Amino acid sequence: MHDEYEPLKITATMRTGVVSDQWLPLDAILFYQAHRLVLGPEIISKPGGNATSHKVSVPLKCINSGTPDWFFACSWAYPQPWWVAEGSDNWNKRFDNDLSDLIDFGKRRGKVIIEEAQYKSYHVPIYYRVALFIEWYCVGKRRRIKELLSTVTHVGKKTSQGWGRVSDWSIESWPDDWSCYGPGGELMRGIPLAMNTRRAGDTISYGIRPSYYRTENNRILAVPR
């Protein structure tokens, strides 16, 4: 059966809190997974690395195609706020003195410096949001989206430390396209100001499409309140 574009509702059932901003765009998750499928998993990557030099197919409808302001027909996390609680924790790195005899100083006397360099100690705060479910709306290809999300076990940042763990994904047909505007005409994601004919939302500087951290994708957008 041909996989056609259709309005969809996508829900993640969460097991742990999520380290992310308030918007948590789903198209960024799919964009990353599409690259991972092509390039394979990476132990570490950096902004502006290899992934951005490859063109991949993201199973979402494109809006403003062929213009500098193109973006995917995919809402950000809805409703706003999508979380029921907020909190903070810390991640730590500390040298274990009991294992100091395992360090090879090359037959010389040495000292482990924990104030800087390789063995520097860290105590860094982490701010997270808690939700039982996170919902998004998009116009996309159900089968391909299901394939990409099948290997998404976590969302947000600090996933290696257990944050943003997903226990289940669900994808269902939706009667209307809520990718940009939802019930009552509220904004569902950031859109260019010229497109905001309903005068909805607030205005901020933010990415219009993934990768959201890249400067060239930054725009002044109308965003959900």
N, C-alpha and C. Protein backbone atom coordinates (compact mmCIF):
# COMPACT_ATOMS: atom_id res chain seq x y z
N MET A 1 0.85 -1.20 0.00
CA MET A 1 0.00 0.00 0.00
C MET A 1 0.88 1.24 0.00
N HIS A 2 0.57 2.21 -0.87
CA HIS A 2 1.37 3.43 -0.96
C HIS A 2 1.19 4.26 0.30
N ASP A 3 2.30 4.74 0.82
CA ASP A 3 2.28 5.51 2.06
C ASP A 3 2.04 6.98 1.74
N GLU A 4 0.81 7.45 1.91
CA GLU A 4 0.44 8.82 1.57
C GLU A 4 0.57 9.73 2.78
N TYR A 5 0.70 11.04 2.51
CA TYR A 5 0.64 12.02 3.57
C TYR A 5 -0.76 12.07 4.15
N GLU A 6 -0.87 12.13 5.47
CA GLU A 6 -2.17 12.23 6.13
C GLU A 6 -1.99 12.92 7.48
N PRO A 7 -3.04 13.58 7.98
CA PRO A 7 -2.96 14.17 9.32
C PRO A 7 -2.85 13.08 10.38
N LEU A 8 -1.93 13.26 11.31
CA LEU A 8 -1.67 12.25 12.33
C LEU A 8 -1.52 12.89 13.71
N LYS A 9 -1.83 12.09 14.72
CA LYS A 9 -1.53 12.44 16.11
C LYS A 9 -0.51 11.43 16.62
N ILE A 10 0.57 11.91 17.19
CA ILE A 10 1.63 11.04 17.68
C ILE A 10 1.81 11.29 19.17
N THR A 11 1.83 10.20 19.94
CA THR A 11 1.91 10.31 21.39
C THR A 11 3.06 9.47 21.93
N ALA A 12 3.87 10.07 22.79
CA ALA A 12 4.92 9.34 23.50
C ALA A 12 4.49 9.17 24.95
N THR A 13 4.49 7.93 25.44
CA THR A 13 4.23 7.65 26.85
C THR A 13 5.57 7.65 27.57
N MET A 14 5.71 8.49 28.58
CA MET A 14 7.00 8.72 29.21
C MET A 14 7.18 7.92 30.50
N ARG A 15 8.46 7.56 30.75
CA ARG A 15 8.82 6.89 32.00
C ARG A 15 9.67 7.77 32.91
N THR A 16 10.37 8.72 32.32
CA THR A 16 11.21 9.62 33.13
C THR A 16 11.02 11.05 32.64
N GLY A 17 11.50 12.00 33.44
CA GLY A 17 11.42 13.40 33.06
C GLY A 17 12.27 13.71 31.84
N VAL A 18 11.95 14.82 31.18
CA VAL A 18 12.60 15.20 29.93
C VAL A 18 13.43 16.45 30.15
N VAL A 19 14.67 16.41 29.69
CA VAL A 19 15.54 17.59 29.73
C VAL A 19 15.45 18.25 28.36
N SER A 20 14.69 19.33 28.26
CA SER A 20 14.48 19.98 26.97
C SER A 20 13.91 21.37 27.20
N ASP A 21 13.79 22.12 26.09
CA ASP A 21 13.10 23.39 26.19
C ASP A 21 11.59 23.12 26.16
N GLN A 22 10.80 24.18 26.19
CA GLN A 22 9.36 24.01 26.29
C GLN A 22 8.72 23.52 25.00
N TRP A 23 9.43 23.64 23.86
CA TRP A 23 8.80 23.34 22.58
C TRP A 23 8.93 21.87 22.17
N LEU A 24 10.09 21.27 22.36
CA LEU A 24 10.36 19.87 22.07
C LEU A 24 9.82 19.44 20.70
N PRO A 25 10.36 19.96 19.62
CA PRO A 25 9.82 19.66 18.28
C PRO A 25 10.01 18.20 17.87
N LEU A 26 8.95 17.58 17.37
CA LEU A 26 9.02 16.20 16.91
C LEU A 26 9.80 16.08 15.61
N ASP A 27 9.73 17.08 14.73
CA ASP A 27 10.45 16.97 13.46
C ASP A 27 11.95 16.86 13.68
N ALA A 28 12.46 17.43 14.77
CA ALA A 28 13.88 17.30 15.09
C ALA A 28 14.23 15.86 15.45
N ILE A 29 13.32 15.19 16.17
CA ILE A 29 13.53 13.78 16.53
C ILE A 29 13.55 12.91 15.28
N LEU A 30 12.60 13.13 14.38
CA LEU A 30 12.54 12.36 13.15
C LEU A 30 13.73 12.66 12.24
N PHE A 31 14.15 13.91 12.21
CA PHE A 31 15.30 14.32 11.41
C PHE A 31 16.56 13.60 11.88
N TYR A 32 16.74 13.56 13.20
CA TYR A 32 17.90 12.85 13.76
C TYR A 32 17.84 11.36 13.43
N GLN A 33 16.66 10.75 13.60
CA GLN A 33 16.54 9.32 13.35
C GLN A 33 16.77 8.98 11.88
N ALA A 34 16.32 9.87 10.98
CA ALA A 34 16.54 9.64 9.55
C ALA A 34 18.04 9.64 9.23
N HIS A 35 18.78 10.56 9.84
CA HIS A 35 20.24 10.57 9.66
C HIS A 35 20.88 9.34 10.28
N ARG A 36 20.41 8.94 11.43
CA ARG A 36 20.96 7.77 12.11
C ARG A 36 20.77 6.52 11.26
N LEU A 37 19.63 6.46 10.56
CA LEU A 37 19.35 5.31 9.70
C LEU A 37 20.34 5.24 8.55
N VAL A 38 20.72 6.42 8.01
CA VAL A 38 21.63 6.48 6.87
C VAL A 38 23.08 6.32 7.31
N LEU A 39 23.47 7.04 8.36
CA LEU A 39 24.87 7.09 8.77
C LEU A 39 25.25 6.05 9.81
N GLY A 40 24.24 5.46 10.48
CA GLY A 40 24.52 4.57 11.58
C GLY A 40 24.67 5.34 12.88
N PRO A 41 24.56 4.66 14.02
CA PRO A 41 24.68 5.36 15.32
C PRO A 41 26.08 5.90 15.51
N GLU A 42 26.14 7.08 16.17
CA GLU A 42 27.42 7.71 16.48
C GLU A 42 27.60 7.75 17.99
N ILE A 43 28.81 7.44 18.44
CA ILE A 43 29.09 7.51 19.86
C ILE A 43 29.06 8.96 20.32
N ILE A 44 29.59 9.84 19.47
CA ILE A 44 29.61 11.26 19.81
C ILE A 44 29.52 12.06 18.52
N SER A 45 28.88 13.20 18.57
CA SER A 45 28.80 14.10 17.43
C SER A 45 28.91 15.53 17.95
N LYS A 46 29.12 16.46 17.04
CA LYS A 46 29.23 17.85 17.44
C LYS A 46 28.39 18.70 16.50
N PRO A 47 27.95 19.89 16.94
CA PRO A 47 27.18 20.78 16.07
C PRO A 47 27.95 21.08 14.79
N GLY A 48 27.24 20.97 13.65
CA GLY A 48 27.89 21.22 12.38
C GLY A 48 28.67 20.03 11.87
N GLY A 49 28.47 18.85 12.47
CA GLY A 49 29.21 17.66 12.08
C GLY A 49 28.68 17.01 10.82
N ASN A 50 28.97 15.73 10.66
CA ASN A 50 28.70 15.02 9.41
C ASN A 50 27.24 14.99 9.01
N ALA A 51 26.34 14.92 9.98
CA ALA A 51 24.93 14.72 9.64
C ALA A 51 24.38 15.83 8.75
N THR A 52 24.83 17.04 8.94
CA THR A 52 24.28 18.16 8.19
C THR A 52 24.73 18.15 6.74
N SER A 53 25.75 17.37 6.40
CA SER A 53 26.23 17.32 5.02
C SER A 53 25.52 16.26 4.20
N HIS A 54 24.59 15.54 4.80
CA HIS A 54 23.84 14.50 4.10
C HIS A 54 22.38 14.92 3.97
N LYS A 55 21.80 14.63 2.84
CA LYS A 55 20.39 14.88 2.63
C LYS A 55 19.63 13.59 2.87
N VAL A 56 18.64 13.65 3.75
CA VAL A 56 17.86 12.48 4.07
C VAL A 56 16.38 12.78 3.85
N SER A 57 15.60 11.74 3.76
CA SER A 57 14.16 11.88 3.56
C SER A 57 13.45 11.82 4.91
N VAL A 58 12.78 12.90 5.26
CA VAL A 58 11.97 12.95 6.47
C VAL A 58 10.51 12.82 6.05
N PRO A 59 9.77 11.85 6.59
CA PRO A 59 8.41 11.56 6.11
C PRO A 59 7.36 12.55 6.59
N LEU A 60 7.62 13.83 6.39
CA LEU A 60 6.69 14.88 6.76
C LEU A 60 6.45 15.80 5.57
N LYS A 61 5.24 16.31 5.45
CA LYS A 61 4.93 17.26 4.39
C LYS A 61 5.74 18.54 4.59
N CYS A 62 6.19 19.14 3.50
CA CYS A 62 7.00 20.36 3.56
C CYS A 62 6.13 21.57 3.24
N ILE A 63 6.25 22.61 4.03
CA ILE A 63 5.53 23.87 3.83
C ILE A 63 6.53 24.92 3.35
N ASN A 64 6.10 25.76 2.43
CA ASN A 64 6.98 26.78 1.82
C ASN A 64 8.16 26.15 1.09
N SER A 65 7.91 25.01 0.48
CA SER A 65 8.97 24.29 -0.22
C SER A 65 9.63 25.16 -1.28
N GLY A 66 10.95 25.10 -1.36
CA GLY A 66 11.68 25.87 -2.35
C GLY A 66 12.03 27.28 -1.94
N THR A 67 11.65 27.68 -0.72
CA THR A 67 11.96 29.02 -0.20
C THR A 67 12.88 28.89 1.01
N PRO A 68 13.55 29.97 1.39
CA PRO A 68 14.41 29.91 2.57
C PRO A 68 13.65 29.63 3.87
N ASP A 69 12.34 29.89 3.86
CA ASP A 69 11.55 29.71 5.08
C ASP A 69 10.75 28.42 5.07
N TRP A 70 11.25 27.38 4.41
CA TRP A 70 10.52 26.11 4.42
C TRP A 70 10.62 25.45 5.79
N PHE A 71 9.61 24.67 6.11
CA PHE A 71 9.62 23.91 7.36
C PHE A 71 8.67 22.73 7.22
N PHE A 72 8.71 21.83 8.18
CA PHE A 72 7.88 20.63 8.13
C PHE A 72 6.52 20.86 8.77
N ALA A 73 5.51 20.21 8.21
CA ALA A 73 4.15 20.29 8.75
C ALA A 73 4.06 19.40 9.98
N CYS A 74 4.59 19.91 11.07
CA CYS A 74 4.67 19.12 12.31
C CYS A 74 4.63 20.07 13.50
N SER A 75 3.69 19.84 14.39
CA SER A 75 3.56 20.72 15.55
C SER A 75 4.72 20.53 16.52
N TRP A 76 4.86 21.45 17.43
CA TRP A 76 5.72 21.24 18.58
C TRP A 76 4.86 20.58 19.66
N ALA A 77 5.47 20.22 20.79
CA ALA A 77 4.73 19.50 21.82
C ALA A 77 3.47 20.28 22.22
N TYR A 78 2.36 19.57 22.29
CA TYR A 78 1.06 20.20 22.55
C TYR A 78 0.33 19.38 23.62
N PRO A 79 -0.45 20.00 24.51
CA PRO A 79 -0.65 21.45 24.64
C PRO A 79 0.51 22.11 25.35
N GLN A 80 0.52 23.43 25.35
CA GLN A 80 1.50 24.19 26.11
C GLN A 80 0.84 24.70 27.39
N PRO A 81 1.43 24.48 28.55
CA PRO A 81 2.61 23.64 28.75
C PRO A 81 2.25 22.16 28.70
N TRP A 82 3.15 21.35 28.15
CA TRP A 82 2.88 19.92 28.02
C TRP A 82 3.29 19.13 29.26
N TRP A 83 3.97 19.78 30.20
CA TRP A 83 4.45 19.08 31.38
C TRP A 83 3.55 19.37 32.58
N VAL A 84 3.58 18.49 33.55
CA VAL A 84 2.75 18.65 34.75
C VAL A 84 3.58 19.07 35.96
N ALA A 85 4.91 18.97 35.86
CA ALA A 85 5.78 19.36 36.96
C ALA A 85 7.17 19.66 36.41
N GLU A 86 7.93 20.44 37.17
CA GLU A 86 9.31 20.75 36.82
C GLU A 86 10.20 20.44 38.02
N GLY A 87 11.46 20.19 37.74
CA GLY A 87 12.38 19.91 38.83
C GLY A 87 13.81 20.08 38.40
N SER A 88 14.72 19.87 39.31
CA SER A 88 16.14 19.95 39.00
C SER A 88 16.89 18.82 39.70
N ASP A 89 17.97 18.42 39.09
CA ASP A 89 18.85 17.39 39.64
C ASP A 89 20.28 17.82 39.30
N ASN A 90 21.22 16.95 39.49
CA ASN A 90 22.61 17.25 39.14
C ASN A 90 23.27 16.04 38.52
N TRP A 91 24.16 16.30 37.57
CA TRP A 91 25.02 15.21 37.11
C TRP A 91 26.43 15.49 37.60
N ASN A 92 27.11 14.43 37.96
CA ASN A 92 28.39 14.56 38.63
C ASN A 92 29.47 13.73 37.96
N LYS A 93 30.67 14.22 38.03
CA LYS A 93 31.85 13.47 37.60
C LYS A 93 32.91 13.69 38.67
N ARG A 94 33.44 12.59 39.20
CA ARG A 94 34.42 12.72 40.27
C ARG A 94 35.43 11.59 40.17
N PHE A 95 36.68 11.92 40.31
CA PHE A 95 37.73 10.91 40.26
C PHE A 95 37.68 10.03 41.50
N ASP A 96 37.77 8.73 41.28
CA ASP A 96 37.74 7.76 42.38
C ASP A 96 39.17 7.51 42.86
N ASN A 97 39.51 8.06 44.02
CA ASN A 97 40.88 7.92 44.53
C ASN A 97 41.27 6.48 44.80
N ASP A 98 40.30 5.63 45.04
CA ASP A 98 40.61 4.23 45.31
C ASP A 98 41.19 3.53 44.08
N LEU A 99 41.02 4.15 42.90
CA LEU A 99 41.52 3.54 41.67
C LEU A 99 42.75 4.27 41.12
N SER A 100 43.34 5.12 41.93
CA SER A 100 44.46 5.93 41.45
C SER A 100 45.66 5.08 41.05
N ASP A 101 45.81 3.88 41.64
CA ASP A 101 46.95 3.04 41.31
C ASP A 101 46.86 2.45 39.91
N LEU A 102 45.72 2.61 39.26
CA LEU A 102 45.55 2.10 37.91
C LEU A 102 46.05 3.08 36.84
N ILE A 103 46.35 4.30 37.23
CA ILE A 103 46.81 5.30 36.26
C ILE A 103 48.28 5.08 35.94
N ASP A 104 48.59 5.07 34.67
CA ASP A 104 49.96 4.89 34.22
C ASP A 104 50.61 6.25 34.00
N PHE A 105 51.54 6.63 34.87
CA PHE A 105 52.24 7.89 34.73
C PHE A 105 53.56 7.73 33.98
N GLY A 106 53.73 6.61 33.30
CA GLY A 106 54.95 6.39 32.53
C GLY A 106 56.19 6.26 33.38
N LYS A 107 56.09 5.48 34.47
CA LYS A 107 57.21 5.23 35.39
C LYS A 107 57.72 6.50 36.07
N ARG A 108 56.86 7.52 36.11
CA ARG A 108 57.21 8.75 36.80
C ARG A 108 56.20 9.02 37.89
N ARG A 109 56.58 9.81 38.82
CA ARG A 109 55.63 10.22 39.85
C ARG A 109 54.64 11.20 39.23
N GLY A 110 53.39 11.09 39.61
CA GLY A 110 52.39 11.97 39.03
C GLY A 110 51.33 12.36 40.04
N LYS A 111 50.54 13.32 39.67
CA LYS A 111 49.47 13.81 40.54
C LYS A 111 48.21 13.96 39.71
N VAL A 112 47.12 13.50 40.26
CA VAL A 112 45.82 13.64 39.59
C VAL A 112 45.24 15.00 39.94
N ILE A 113 45.05 15.83 38.92
CA ILE A 113 44.50 17.18 39.12
C ILE A 113 43.01 17.15 38.80
N ILE A 114 42.19 17.45 39.79
CA ILE A 114 40.74 17.40 39.60
C ILE A 114 40.13 18.77 39.36
N GLU A 115 40.98 19.80 39.28
CA GLU A 115 40.48 21.16 39.03
C GLU A 115 40.38 21.48 37.55
N GLU A 116 41.01 20.68 36.70
CA GLU A 116 41.00 20.97 35.28
C GLU A 116 41.36 19.72 34.49
N ALA A 117 41.25 19.83 33.16
CA ALA A 117 41.70 18.77 32.23
C ALA A 117 40.91 17.48 32.41
N GLN A 118 41.56 16.34 32.10
CA GLN A 118 40.87 15.06 31.95
C GLN A 118 40.10 14.63 33.20
N TYR A 119 40.65 14.87 34.37
CA TYR A 119 40.04 14.36 35.60
C TYR A 119 39.30 15.43 36.39
N LYS A 120 38.94 16.51 35.72
CA LYS A 120 38.22 17.59 36.38
C LYS A 120 36.90 17.10 36.95
N SER A 121 36.59 17.53 38.15
CA SER A 121 35.34 17.16 38.79
C SER A 121 34.22 18.11 38.36
N TYR A 122 33.00 17.56 38.25
CA TYR A 122 31.84 18.35 37.85
C TYR A 122 30.68 18.10 38.80
N HIS A 123 29.92 19.15 39.03
CA HIS A 123 28.64 19.06 39.75
C HIS A 123 27.72 20.06 39.05
N VAL A 124 26.99 19.59 38.06
CA VAL A 124 26.26 20.47 37.14
C VAL A 124 24.75 20.27 37.31
N PRO A 125 23.98 21.35 37.47
CA PRO A 125 22.53 21.20 37.61
C PRO A 125 21.86 20.81 36.29
N ILE A 126 20.81 20.02 36.40
CA ILE A 126 19.98 19.59 35.26
C ILE A 126 18.54 20.00 35.56
N TYR A 127 17.92 20.69 34.64
CA TYR A 127 16.52 21.08 34.82
C TYR A 127 15.65 20.24 33.90
N TYR A 128 14.61 19.66 34.43
CA TYR A 128 13.79 18.73 33.66
C TYR A 128 12.30 19.02 33.83
N ARG A 129 11.53 18.47 32.90
CA ARG A 129 10.08 18.58 32.93
C ARG A 129 9.48 17.18 32.95
N VAL A 130 8.39 17.03 33.66
CA VAL A 130 7.77 15.71 33.84
C VAL A 130 6.40 15.68 33.18
N ALA A 131 6.13 14.64 32.41
CA ALA A 131 4.83 14.46 31.77
C ALA A 131 4.55 12.97 31.62
N LEU A 132 3.29 12.59 31.77
CA LEU A 132 2.91 11.20 31.51
C LEU A 132 2.88 10.93 30.02
N PHE A 133 2.42 11.93 29.25
CA PHE A 133 2.32 11.79 27.80
C PHE A 133 2.80 13.09 27.15
N ILE A 134 3.35 12.96 25.96
CA ILE A 134 3.68 14.12 25.14
C ILE A 134 3.04 13.90 23.77
N GLU A 135 2.34 14.91 23.28
CA GLU A 135 1.58 14.76 22.03
C GLU A 135 2.06 15.75 20.97
N TRP A 136 2.03 15.29 19.72
CA TRP A 136 2.33 16.13 18.57
C TRP A 136 1.33 15.84 17.47
N TYR A 137 1.20 16.79 16.53
CA TYR A 137 0.32 16.62 15.37
C TYR A 137 1.11 16.96 14.11
N CYS A 138 0.91 16.19 13.09
CA CYS A 138 1.69 16.40 11.87
C CYS A 138 0.90 15.94 10.65
N VAL A 139 1.45 16.25 9.47
CA VAL A 139 0.98 15.68 8.22
C VAL A 139 2.16 14.89 7.67
N GLY A 140 2.04 13.59 7.71
CA GLY A 140 3.18 12.77 7.34
C GLY A 140 2.78 11.39 6.85
N LYS A 141 3.78 10.56 6.63
CA LYS A 141 3.58 9.20 6.15
C LYS A 141 3.68 8.25 7.33
N ARG A 142 2.53 7.66 7.67
CA ARG A 142 2.42 6.88 8.90
C ARG A 142 3.45 5.74 8.98
N ARG A 143 3.57 4.97 7.91
CA ARG A 143 4.44 3.79 7.95
C ARG A 143 5.89 4.19 8.19
N ARG A 144 6.36 5.21 7.47
CA ARG A 144 7.75 5.64 7.62
C ARG A 144 8.00 6.26 8.99
N ILE A 145 7.04 7.03 9.49
CA ILE A 145 7.19 7.61 10.82
C ILE A 145 7.27 6.51 11.87
N LYS A 146 6.43 5.50 11.73
CA LYS A 146 6.45 4.37 12.66
C LYS A 146 7.81 3.68 12.64
N GLU A 147 8.38 3.51 11.46
CA GLU A 147 9.69 2.88 11.36
C GLU A 147 10.76 3.69 12.07
N LEU A 148 10.75 5.01 11.88
CA LEU A 148 11.76 5.85 12.51
C LEU A 148 11.61 5.89 14.03
N LEU A 149 10.38 5.95 14.51
CA LEU A 149 10.15 6.05 15.95
C LEU A 149 10.35 4.71 16.66
N SER A 150 10.37 3.61 15.92
CA SER A 150 10.49 2.29 16.54
C SER A 150 11.79 2.12 17.32
N THR A 151 12.81 2.91 16.98
CA THR A 151 14.09 2.81 17.69
C THR A 151 14.37 4.03 18.58
N VAL A 152 13.38 4.89 18.75
CA VAL A 152 13.54 6.06 19.63
C VAL A 152 13.17 5.64 21.05
N THR A 153 14.15 5.46 21.89
CA THR A 153 13.91 5.03 23.26
C THR A 153 13.89 6.20 24.24
N HIS A 154 14.47 7.35 23.83
CA HIS A 154 14.53 8.52 24.69
C HIS A 154 14.36 9.78 23.85
N VAL A 155 13.91 10.86 24.47
CA VAL A 155 13.81 12.16 23.81
C VAL A 155 14.45 13.21 24.70
N GLY A 156 14.83 14.34 24.10
CA GLY A 156 15.45 15.41 24.86
C GLY A 156 16.94 15.21 25.05
N LYS A 157 17.50 15.89 26.02
CA LYS A 157 18.94 15.83 26.30
C LYS A 157 19.24 14.89 27.46
N LYS A 158 20.52 14.61 27.64
CA LYS A 158 21.03 13.77 28.72
C LYS A 158 20.36 12.39 28.75
N THR A 159 20.10 11.86 27.57
CA THR A 159 19.45 10.55 27.49
C THR A 159 20.37 9.44 27.99
N SER A 160 21.68 9.62 27.88
CA SER A 160 22.62 8.60 28.36
C SER A 160 22.55 8.45 29.87
N GLN A 161 21.97 9.44 30.54
CA GLN A 161 21.82 9.40 31.99
C GLN A 161 20.40 9.00 32.40
N GLY A 162 19.60 8.56 31.42
CA GLY A 162 18.27 8.05 31.73
C GLY A 162 17.13 9.02 31.56
N TRP A 163 17.43 10.27 31.22
CA TRP A 163 16.36 11.26 31.07
C TRP A 163 15.60 11.05 29.76
N GLY A 164 14.32 11.37 29.77
CA GLY A 164 13.49 11.32 28.57
C GLY A 164 13.19 9.93 28.07
N ARG A 165 13.12 8.96 28.94
CA ARG A 165 12.88 7.58 28.51
C ARG A 165 11.43 7.40 28.08
N VAL A 166 11.25 6.82 26.90
CA VAL A 166 9.92 6.58 26.33
C VAL A 166 9.56 5.11 26.48
N SER A 167 8.38 4.82 27.01
CA SER A 167 7.95 3.42 27.15
C SER A 167 7.11 2.97 25.97
N ASP A 168 6.49 3.93 25.25
CA ASP A 168 5.63 3.52 24.13
C ASP A 168 5.35 4.71 23.22
N TRP A 169 5.23 4.42 21.91
CA TRP A 169 4.80 5.39 20.92
C TRP A 169 3.47 4.95 20.32
N SER A 170 2.58 5.89 20.07
CA SER A 170 1.34 5.57 19.35
C SER A 170 1.12 6.58 18.23
N ILE A 171 0.63 6.10 17.11
CA ILE A 171 0.36 6.94 15.95
C ILE A 171 -1.07 6.66 15.51
N GLU A 172 -1.88 7.70 15.39
CA GLU A 172 -3.27 7.51 14.99
C GLU A 172 -3.68 8.59 13.98
N SER A 173 -4.62 8.23 13.14
CA SER A 173 -5.16 9.20 12.19
C SER A 173 -5.88 10.30 12.93
N TRP A 174 -5.86 11.51 12.35
CA TRP A 174 -6.51 12.65 12.97
C TRP A 174 -7.38 13.33 11.93
N PRO A 175 -8.57 13.79 12.30
CA PRO A 175 -9.50 14.32 11.29
C PRO A 175 -9.07 15.64 10.66
N ASP A 176 -8.20 16.41 11.34
CA ASP A 176 -7.82 17.73 10.83
C ASP A 176 -6.31 17.89 10.87
N ASP A 177 -5.82 18.83 10.07
CA ASP A 177 -4.42 19.18 10.06
C ASP A 177 -4.15 20.18 11.17
N TRP A 178 -3.52 19.72 12.25
CA TRP A 178 -3.19 20.57 13.38
C TRP A 178 -1.69 20.86 13.43
N SER A 179 -1.01 20.75 12.31
CA SER A 179 0.43 20.93 12.33
C SER A 179 0.84 22.38 12.60
N CYS A 180 0.05 23.35 12.14
CA CYS A 180 0.36 24.77 12.35
C CYS A 180 -0.65 25.45 13.27
N TYR A 181 -1.93 25.23 13.02
CA TYR A 181 -2.99 25.80 13.84
C TYR A 181 -3.86 24.69 14.40
N GLY A 182 -4.20 24.80 15.68
CA GLY A 182 -5.00 23.78 16.33
C GLY A 182 -6.42 24.23 16.59
N PRO A 183 -7.10 23.55 17.52
CA PRO A 183 -8.48 23.91 17.84
C PRO A 183 -8.55 25.32 18.42
N GLY A 184 -9.49 26.10 17.93
CA GLY A 184 -9.60 27.47 18.41
C GLY A 184 -8.65 28.43 17.73
N GLY A 185 -7.84 27.93 16.78
CA GLY A 185 -6.96 28.79 16.02
C GLY A 185 -5.63 29.11 16.67
N GLU A 186 -5.30 28.41 17.80
CA GLU A 186 -4.02 28.68 18.44
C GLU A 186 -2.87 28.07 17.64
N LEU A 187 -1.71 28.69 17.74
CA LEU A 187 -0.53 28.18 17.05
C LEU A 187 -0.07 26.88 17.68
N MET A 188 0.40 25.95 16.83
CA MET A 188 0.89 24.66 17.29
C MET A 188 2.40 24.54 17.14
N ARG A 189 3.01 25.50 16.46
CA ARG A 189 4.47 25.51 16.26
C ARG A 189 4.88 26.91 15.83
N GLY A 190 6.18 27.15 15.69
CA GLY A 190 6.64 28.43 15.19
C GLY A 190 6.47 28.54 13.69
N ILE A 191 5.97 29.67 13.23
CA ILE A 191 5.81 29.92 11.80
C ILE A 191 6.31 31.33 11.49
N PRO A 192 6.71 31.60 10.24
CA PRO A 192 7.13 32.95 9.87
C PRO A 192 6.04 33.97 10.16
N LEU A 193 6.43 35.17 10.55
CA LEU A 193 5.45 36.20 10.91
C LEU A 193 4.49 36.49 9.76
N ALA A 194 4.98 36.45 8.51
CA ALA A 194 4.13 36.74 7.35
C ALA A 194 3.02 35.72 7.19
N MET A 195 3.20 34.51 7.72
CA MET A 195 2.17 33.47 7.62
C MET A 195 1.14 33.54 8.73
N ASN A 196 1.43 34.32 9.77
CA ASN A 196 0.56 34.35 10.93
C ASN A 196 -0.62 35.28 10.71
N THR A 197 -1.49 34.91 9.79
CA THR A 197 -2.63 35.74 9.44
C THR A 197 -3.67 35.82 10.55
N ARG A 198 -3.62 34.89 11.50
CA ARG A 198 -4.60 34.89 12.58
C ARG A 198 -4.12 35.69 13.79
N ARG A 199 -2.93 36.27 13.69
CA ARG A 199 -2.36 37.08 14.78
C ARG A 199 -2.34 36.32 16.10
N ALA A 200 -1.97 35.04 16.02
CA ALA A 200 -1.94 34.21 17.22
C ALA A 200 -0.53 34.12 17.76
N GLY A 201 -0.41 33.75 19.06
CA GLY A 201 0.87 33.44 19.66
C GLY A 201 1.72 34.65 20.04
N ASP A 202 2.96 34.33 20.43
CA ASP A 202 3.96 35.32 20.78
C ASP A 202 5.04 35.36 19.70
N THR A 203 6.02 36.23 19.86
CA THR A 203 7.09 36.37 18.87
C THR A 203 8.45 36.18 19.54
N ILE A 204 9.26 35.25 19.01
CA ILE A 204 10.61 35.05 19.52
C ILE A 204 11.54 34.68 18.37
N SER A 205 12.84 34.68 18.65
CA SER A 205 13.83 34.20 17.71
C SER A 205 14.10 32.73 18.01
N TYR A 206 13.86 31.87 17.01
CA TYR A 206 13.97 30.42 17.24
C TYR A 206 14.18 29.74 15.89
N GLY A 207 14.61 28.48 15.91
CA GLY A 207 14.79 27.73 14.68
C GLY A 207 13.47 27.45 13.99
N ILE A 208 13.48 27.49 12.67
CA ILE A 208 12.26 27.21 11.92
C ILE A 208 12.15 25.74 11.53
N ARG A 209 13.28 25.06 11.57
CA ARG A 209 13.32 23.64 11.16
C ARG A 209 14.58 23.01 11.77
N PRO A 210 14.65 21.70 11.78
CA PRO A 210 15.87 21.05 12.27
C PRO A 210 16.99 21.18 11.23
N SER A 211 18.21 21.25 11.72
CA SER A 211 18.63 21.25 13.11
C SER A 211 18.39 22.63 13.73
N TYR A 212 17.67 22.66 14.84
CA TYR A 212 17.21 23.90 15.43
C TYR A 212 18.34 24.75 16.00
N TYR A 213 19.47 24.12 16.29
CA TYR A 213 20.58 24.89 16.86
C TYR A 213 21.40 25.63 15.80
N ARG A 214 21.19 25.34 14.53
CA ARG A 214 22.01 25.96 13.48
C ARG A 214 21.58 27.40 13.23
N THR A 215 22.54 28.28 13.19
CA THR A 215 22.27 29.72 13.05
C THR A 215 21.48 30.03 11.79
N GLU A 216 21.80 29.35 10.67
CA GLU A 216 21.12 29.64 9.42
C GLU A 216 19.64 29.25 9.42
N ASN A 217 19.21 28.45 10.40
CA ASN A 217 17.80 28.08 10.50
C ASN A 217 17.03 28.99 11.48
N ASN A 218 17.73 29.97 12.03
CA ASN A 218 17.08 30.85 13.01
C ASN A 218 16.26 31.93 12.30
N ARG A 219 15.06 32.18 12.83
CA ARG A 219 14.16 33.18 12.28
C ARG A 219 13.41 33.88 13.43
N ILE A 220 12.81 35.02 13.11
CA ILE A 220 11.83 35.62 14.02
C ILE A 220 10.50 34.98 13.71
N LEU A 221 9.94 34.26 14.67
CA LEU A 221 8.75 33.45 14.46
C LEU A 221 7.63 33.84 15.40
N ALA A 222 6.40 33.58 14.93
CA ALA A 222 5.24 33.57 15.81
C ALA A 222 5.18 32.18 16.42
N VAL A 223 5.12 32.08 17.73
CA VAL A 223 5.18 30.79 18.43
C VAL A 223 4.00 30.65 19.38
N PRO A 224 3.70 29.39 19.78
CA PRO A 224 2.59 29.19 20.73
C PRO A 224 2.82 29.90 22.05
N ARG A 225 1.76 30.35 22.65
CA ARG A 225 1.86 31.01 23.96
C ARG A 225 2.03 29.94 25.06
